[in-house]
Protein backbone atom coordinates (compact mmCIF):
# COMPACT_ATOMS: atom_id res chain seq x y z
CA MET A 1 -77.04 -16.35 -33.18
CA ARG A 2 -76.88 -19.60 -35.11
CA SER A 3 -79.89 -21.55 -36.36
CA PRO A 4 -81.53 -24.14 -34.10
CA LEU A 5 -80.79 -27.78 -34.83
CA ASP A 6 -83.43 -30.34 -35.74
CA VAL A 7 -82.75 -34.07 -36.11
CA ASN A 8 -81.64 -33.77 -39.75
CA ARG A 9 -79.25 -30.89 -39.07
CA LEU A 10 -77.86 -32.67 -36.01
CA GLN A 11 -77.15 -35.79 -38.07
CA ALA A 12 -75.48 -33.63 -40.74
CA VAL A 13 -73.21 -32.11 -38.08
CA LEU A 14 -72.28 -35.56 -36.73
CA GLU A 15 -71.59 -36.86 -40.25
CA ALA A 16 -69.40 -33.85 -41.01
CA LEU A 17 -67.50 -34.26 -37.75
CA GLY A 18 -66.95 -37.96 -38.41
CA ARG A 19 -65.60 -37.22 -41.90
CA ARG A 20 -63.24 -34.44 -40.78
CA VAL A 21 -61.50 -35.96 -37.77
CA ARG A 22 -58.19 -37.71 -38.38
CA SER A 23 -58.53 -40.61 -35.95
CA ASP A 24 -61.18 -42.72 -34.30
CA GLY A 25 -62.84 -41.35 -31.19
CA GLY A 26 -65.96 -41.08 -29.12
CA VAL A 27 -68.55 -38.33 -28.90
CA TYR A 28 -71.07 -38.21 -26.07
CA LEU A 29 -74.18 -36.13 -26.71
CA THR A 30 -75.91 -34.30 -23.90
CA GLY A 31 -78.85 -31.97 -23.36
CA GLY A 32 -80.86 -30.94 -26.38
CA ALA A 33 -79.08 -33.33 -28.74
CA THR A 34 -80.16 -36.30 -26.64
CA ALA A 35 -83.66 -34.84 -26.37
CA LEU A 36 -83.84 -34.48 -30.16
CA LEU A 37 -82.72 -38.00 -30.97
CA ARG A 38 -84.93 -39.52 -28.25
CA GLY A 39 -87.96 -37.61 -29.60
CA TRP A 40 -88.52 -35.39 -26.56
CA ARG A 41 -88.00 -32.12 -28.49
CA ALA A 42 -88.23 -30.90 -32.07
CA SER A 43 -85.20 -28.60 -31.92
CA THR A 44 -82.33 -27.36 -29.79
CA VAL A 45 -80.26 -24.19 -29.90
CA ASP A 46 -76.94 -25.97 -29.50
CA LEU A 47 -75.10 -29.25 -29.64
CA ASP A 48 -73.48 -30.02 -26.29
CA LEU A 49 -70.95 -32.81 -26.42
CA ARG A 50 -68.00 -34.50 -24.76
CA LEU A 51 -65.08 -35.97 -26.69
CA ASP A 52 -63.83 -39.21 -25.12
CA PRO A 53 -61.48 -40.39 -26.43
CA GLU A 54 -60.80 -37.22 -28.34
CA PRO A 55 -60.28 -37.86 -32.05
CA ALA A 56 -57.35 -36.06 -33.64
CA GLY A 57 -58.41 -32.87 -35.38
CA ALA A 58 -61.71 -32.62 -33.50
CA PHE A 59 -61.31 -28.97 -32.51
CA GLU A 60 -60.37 -27.89 -36.03
CA ALA A 61 -63.33 -29.84 -37.39
CA ILE A 62 -65.73 -28.30 -34.87
CA ALA A 63 -64.53 -24.77 -35.69
CA ALA A 64 -65.13 -25.32 -39.41
CA ILE A 65 -68.46 -27.10 -39.00
CA LYS A 66 -69.87 -24.38 -36.77
CA ASP A 67 -69.51 -21.90 -39.61
CA GLU A 68 -70.23 -24.17 -42.57
CA LEU A 69 -73.40 -25.68 -41.09
CA ASP A 70 -74.44 -22.69 -38.97
CA ALA A 71 -74.46 -24.84 -35.83
CA ASN A 72 -73.72 -23.85 -32.27
CA ILE A 73 -71.44 -26.58 -30.85
CA GLU A 74 -70.22 -26.52 -27.26
CA LEU A 75 -68.09 -28.79 -25.13
CA ALA A 76 -70.33 -29.42 -22.13
CA SER A 77 -71.36 -32.55 -20.29
CA PRO A 78 -72.62 -33.49 -16.82
CA PRO A 79 -69.18 -33.80 -15.12
CA ASP A 80 -68.64 -30.13 -15.93
CA PHE A 81 -71.48 -29.41 -13.50
CA ILE A 82 -71.79 -32.35 -11.08
CA PRO A 83 -69.48 -35.19 -9.95
CA GLU A 84 -68.99 -38.01 -12.43
CA LEU A 85 -71.39 -40.88 -11.75
CA PRO A 86 -69.89 -44.32 -11.23
CA GLY A 87 -70.41 -46.56 -14.27
CA TRP A 88 -71.52 -43.75 -16.56
CA ARG A 89 -69.92 -45.27 -19.67
CA ASP A 90 -71.84 -48.52 -19.21
CA ARG A 91 -75.11 -46.56 -19.08
CA SER A 92 -74.36 -44.42 -22.14
CA PRO A 93 -76.56 -45.66 -25.02
CA TRP A 94 -74.89 -46.00 -28.39
CA VAL A 95 -76.34 -43.77 -31.13
CA GLY A 96 -74.27 -44.88 -34.11
CA ARG A 97 -71.03 -44.65 -36.04
CA PHE A 98 -70.49 -41.48 -38.06
CA GLY A 99 -67.31 -41.74 -40.11
CA ARG A 100 -64.50 -42.17 -37.58
CA ILE A 101 -66.52 -41.41 -34.46
CA ASP A 102 -68.76 -43.56 -32.29
CA VAL A 103 -71.58 -41.43 -30.92
CA TYR A 104 -73.35 -42.10 -27.62
CA HIS A 105 -75.87 -40.37 -25.42
CA TYR A 106 -74.05 -39.42 -22.24
CA ASP A 107 -75.45 -41.43 -19.30
CA LEU A 108 -79.07 -40.35 -18.93
CA TYR A 109 -78.90 -40.54 -15.13
CA ALA A 110 -76.00 -38.08 -15.14
CA GLN A 111 -77.91 -35.86 -17.55
CA ALA A 112 -81.00 -36.02 -15.33
CA LEU A 113 -79.10 -35.09 -12.17
CA SER A 114 -77.28 -32.29 -13.96
CA LYS A 115 -80.59 -30.94 -15.25
CA ILE A 116 -82.20 -31.18 -11.81
CA GLU A 117 -79.30 -29.26 -10.30
CA ARG A 118 -79.65 -26.51 -12.93
CA GLY A 119 -83.39 -26.43 -12.44
CA HIS A 120 -84.50 -24.70 -15.65
CA ASP A 121 -88.07 -25.43 -16.73
CA ARG A 122 -86.93 -27.01 -20.03
CA ASP A 123 -84.44 -29.21 -18.14
CA LEU A 124 -87.11 -30.46 -15.76
CA LEU A 125 -89.39 -31.29 -18.69
CA ASP A 126 -86.52 -33.33 -20.18
CA VAL A 127 -86.10 -35.21 -16.89
CA GLY A 128 -89.82 -35.94 -16.92
CA ALA A 129 -89.49 -37.35 -20.44
CA MET A 130 -86.56 -39.52 -19.31
CA VAL A 131 -88.64 -40.98 -16.50
CA GLN A 132 -91.79 -41.36 -18.60
CA SER A 133 -89.85 -43.21 -21.34
CA GLY A 134 -88.35 -45.59 -18.78
CA ASP A 135 -84.80 -44.44 -19.52
CA VAL A 136 -84.46 -43.18 -15.94
CA VAL A 137 -85.87 -45.02 -12.92
CA ILE A 138 -86.45 -42.90 -9.82
CA ALA A 139 -84.95 -45.36 -7.31
CA ARG A 140 -81.75 -45.70 -9.38
CA LEU A 141 -81.56 -41.91 -9.81
CA GLN A 142 -81.76 -41.47 -6.03
CA ALA A 143 -79.08 -44.14 -5.46
CA LEU A 144 -76.73 -42.52 -7.96
CA PHE A 145 -77.27 -39.14 -6.34
CA GLU A 146 -76.22 -40.67 -3.03
CA ALA A 147 -73.14 -42.14 -4.71
CA ILE A 148 -71.90 -38.69 -5.80
CA GLN A 149 -72.52 -36.96 -2.46
CA PRO A 150 -68.86 -37.15 -1.32
CA GLY A 151 -67.71 -35.58 -4.60
CA LEU A 152 -69.91 -32.50 -4.25
CA ILE A 153 -67.19 -30.84 -2.16
CA ARG A 154 -65.21 -30.44 -5.42
CA TYR A 155 -68.05 -28.34 -6.88
CA PRO A 156 -68.13 -25.18 -4.76
CA GLY A 157 -70.92 -23.70 -6.86
CA ILE A 158 -73.28 -26.42 -5.66
CA ASP A 159 -74.91 -26.17 -2.27
CA ALA A 160 -75.27 -29.85 -1.32
CA PRO A 161 -78.41 -29.48 0.86
CA THR A 162 -80.15 -27.45 -1.86
CA PHE A 163 -79.19 -30.00 -4.51
CA ARG A 164 -80.48 -32.81 -2.28
CA ALA A 165 -83.79 -30.94 -1.87
CA LYS A 166 -84.07 -30.43 -5.63
CA VAL A 167 -83.50 -34.15 -6.26
CA ALA A 168 -86.06 -35.11 -3.61
CA GLU A 169 -88.64 -32.71 -5.02
CA ALA A 170 -88.10 -33.87 -8.61
CA CYS A 171 -88.31 -37.53 -7.57
CA ASP A 172 -91.52 -36.90 -5.60
CA GLU A 173 -93.11 -35.07 -8.53
CA LEU A 174 -92.02 -37.65 -11.12
CA GLY A 175 -92.48 -40.78 -9.02
């Protein structure tokens, strides 16, 4: 098991990745990395990210950085778990430029819906922090959930009525 990441270690990983890639690209942070940089958590066990556009040499860089900096790095983002939300790029806050990569938080609404669908206690606390900080507005979250309803058929692991109930319950509790 690798060491948990705090803000300083996360920034070191991003700096190393930005130095090692061979072309410009984008990195979207999700989960614990977003929670760290937004101040909702003090640490996370892994760095979940999405490469888009993928910088040349990213996978080689990630493999080396995982060992050199003792960091667990995984390719995971909301569209791996739920349908892609319309306009997600426009709602993805910019974090900064690290070498050759521009780093963003993946759309917080997509992260919130993905976390609600998973339903882990830590995930629901993160969604609460998103709402409390004003980064996620309940009415917009509900509207975006409705927008992805037709795409749920492509995710056979999701039971649409159960997901709908989870979203309604989370919105009631947080609203």
